[in-house]
Structures are given as structure tokens and as C-alpha cells.
Protein backbone atom coordinates (compact mmCIF):
# COMPACT_ATOMS: atom_id res chain seq x y z
CA MET A 1 -157.08 -27.12 -110.49
CA ASN A 2 -155.06 -26.36 -113.60
CA ILE A 3 -151.96 -24.18 -113.93
CA GLU A 4 -150.53 -22.89 -117.20
CA LEU A 5 -147.03 -21.39 -117.15
CA ASN A 6 -145.49 -19.55 -120.09
CA PHE A 7 -142.31 -17.54 -120.50
CA ASN A 8 -141.76 -14.55 -122.79
CA GLU A 9 -138.23 -13.23 -122.38
CA LYS A 10 -137.98 -12.04 -118.75
CA VAL A 11 -141.72 -12.35 -118.02
CA ALA A 12 -143.35 -15.48 -116.63
CA SER A 13 -147.13 -15.70 -116.99
CA MET A 14 -149.05 -18.11 -114.79
CA ARG A 15 -152.77 -18.80 -115.11
CA ILE A 16 -154.48 -20.71 -112.30
CA GLU A 17 -157.95 -22.20 -112.77
CA GLY A 18 -160.12 -23.83 -110.13
CA ILE A 19 -159.52 -24.05 -106.41
CA LEU A 20 -155.99 -23.91 -104.99
CA ASN A 21 -155.86 -25.85 -101.73
CA SER A 22 -153.53 -27.98 -99.60
CA GLU A 23 -154.18 -31.05 -101.77
CA ASN A 24 -152.84 -29.46 -104.94
CA ALA A 25 -150.51 -26.72 -103.62
CA HIS A 26 -147.51 -28.91 -104.53
CA ILE A 27 -148.33 -28.28 -108.20
CA LEU A 28 -148.14 -24.52 -107.59
CA GLN A 29 -144.83 -25.05 -105.78
CA GLU A 30 -143.41 -26.92 -108.80
CA LYS A 31 -144.46 -24.12 -111.17
CA LEU A 32 -143.06 -21.40 -108.88
CA SER A 33 -139.77 -23.35 -108.72
CA GLU A 34 -139.65 -23.28 -112.53
CA VAL A 35 -140.01 -19.49 -112.40
CA MET A 36 -137.21 -19.21 -109.82
CA LYS A 37 -134.90 -21.31 -112.01
CA SER A 38 -135.62 -19.14 -115.06
CA ASP A 39 -134.32 -15.69 -116.01
CA ALA A 40 -137.73 -14.14 -115.35
CA ILE A 41 -137.82 -10.91 -113.36
CA MET A 42 -141.61 -10.49 -113.55
CA LEU A 43 -144.35 -12.96 -112.66
CA GLU A 44 -147.80 -12.11 -113.96
CA LEU A 45 -150.48 -14.10 -112.17
CA ASP A 46 -153.87 -14.55 -113.83
CA LEU A 47 -156.29 -15.62 -111.11
CA PHE A 48 -159.52 -14.71 -112.92
CA ASP A 49 -160.63 -18.35 -113.12
CA CYS A 50 -159.33 -19.21 -109.63
CA ARG A 51 -162.35 -19.49 -107.36
CA ASN A 52 -160.52 -19.76 -104.04
CA ILE A 53 -157.03 -20.03 -102.53
CA SER A 54 -156.43 -21.76 -99.20
CA SER A 55 -153.95 -20.61 -96.59
CA THR A 56 -151.50 -23.20 -97.95
CA GLY A 57 -151.66 -21.61 -101.40
CA ILE A 58 -151.25 -18.12 -99.92
CA GLY A 59 -148.22 -19.38 -98.00
CA LYS A 60 -146.60 -20.75 -101.17
CA ILE A 61 -147.14 -17.43 -102.95
CA LEU A 62 -145.70 -15.44 -100.01
CA LEU A 63 -142.60 -17.64 -99.71
CA PHE A 64 -142.03 -17.33 -103.44
CA TYR A 65 -142.56 -13.55 -103.25
CA LYS A 66 -139.91 -13.22 -100.52
CA ASP A 67 -137.32 -15.17 -102.55
CA PHE A 68 -138.27 -13.62 -105.88
CA ILE A 69 -138.01 -9.98 -104.79
CA SER A 70 -134.69 -10.69 -103.08
CA ARG A 71 -133.27 -11.36 -106.55
CA GLY A 72 -134.94 -8.28 -108.06
CA GLY A 73 -138.14 -9.91 -109.22
CA GLU A 74 -141.64 -8.46 -109.19
CA ILE A 75 -145.13 -9.99 -109.01
CA GLU A 76 -148.39 -8.63 -110.35
CA VAL A 77 -151.83 -10.19 -110.28
CA VAL A 78 -153.01 -9.07 -113.72
CA ARG A 79 -156.58 -10.39 -113.25
CA SER A 80 -158.35 -11.89 -110.29
CA SER A 81 -161.79 -13.19 -109.49
CA ASN A 82 -163.91 -11.23 -107.01
CA SER A 83 -163.35 -13.78 -104.24
CA VAL A 84 -159.56 -13.85 -104.69
CA TYR A 85 -159.41 -10.04 -104.93
CA GLU A 86 -161.35 -9.71 -101.67
CA LEU A 87 -159.10 -12.29 -99.98
CA PHE A 88 -155.88 -10.60 -101.13
CA THR A 89 -157.23 -7.20 -100.05
CA MET A 90 -158.35 -8.48 -96.65
CA LEU A 91 -154.89 -10.02 -96.08
CA LYS A 92 -153.31 -6.77 -97.34
CA LEU A 93 -151.34 -8.63 -100.02
CA ASN A 94 -152.21 -5.75 -102.34
CA GLN A 95 -149.68 -3.75 -100.30
CA LEU A 96 -146.92 -6.16 -101.35
CA PHE A 97 -147.77 -6.35 -105.04
CA THR A 98 -150.37 -5.03 -107.48
CA VAL A 99 -153.66 -6.94 -107.48
CA ASN A 100 -156.06 -6.13 -110.32
CA LEU A 101 -159.71 -7.14 -110.34
CA GLY A 102 -161.07 -8.92 -113.41
């Protein structure tokens, strides 16, 4: 798995490639902590090259979401793979934040 994180003013952009699972979820946690410490009020997630996310990864995203929106932040999945889109839809995460396919 590889994660790229960039900041442009108040927008954080994160691109996740590969499979996000319990073995590498700590890397996601580190990147999400960087976003929390920044002035960003928007996190754009690019999950187009992310083939799968385990329950551990989903948990990290949900905990971040809870803290981030409490300070006025917003999350959007700007692109997702078919498998991640179906997972987020099945878990109804698309009711918490926008999830775009491809």
C-alpha cells in the first residue's frame, strides 16, 4: 500500500493505492493525524487505485471523520474503485460523505 498526502491551502488530498488492511492501517492513521494537525477543512480521498479496505481501515476513516467534522471539516471520496464504492455503499458511508465512482 502507498499513500500520498498533499495540501493546497485548506484542502488535503490523499491518494491510497493497493490494499488497506490491519497490517498497514497505522500508516493511514499517521497521514490522517497530519491532516488533523493542519489547517485543512476538506479532505479529498482518491481511492481509485485502492483495491480493498479492511474493517480496520474503515474504522480509522470513521474515527477521523467523527473528529474532523466536529471541527467543521468535510470529507469527499473524489474517485473510488468499483470494489471500494460497493463497500462504502453497502456500509452506507455514502450517507455520511460523498462517494464518487471512478
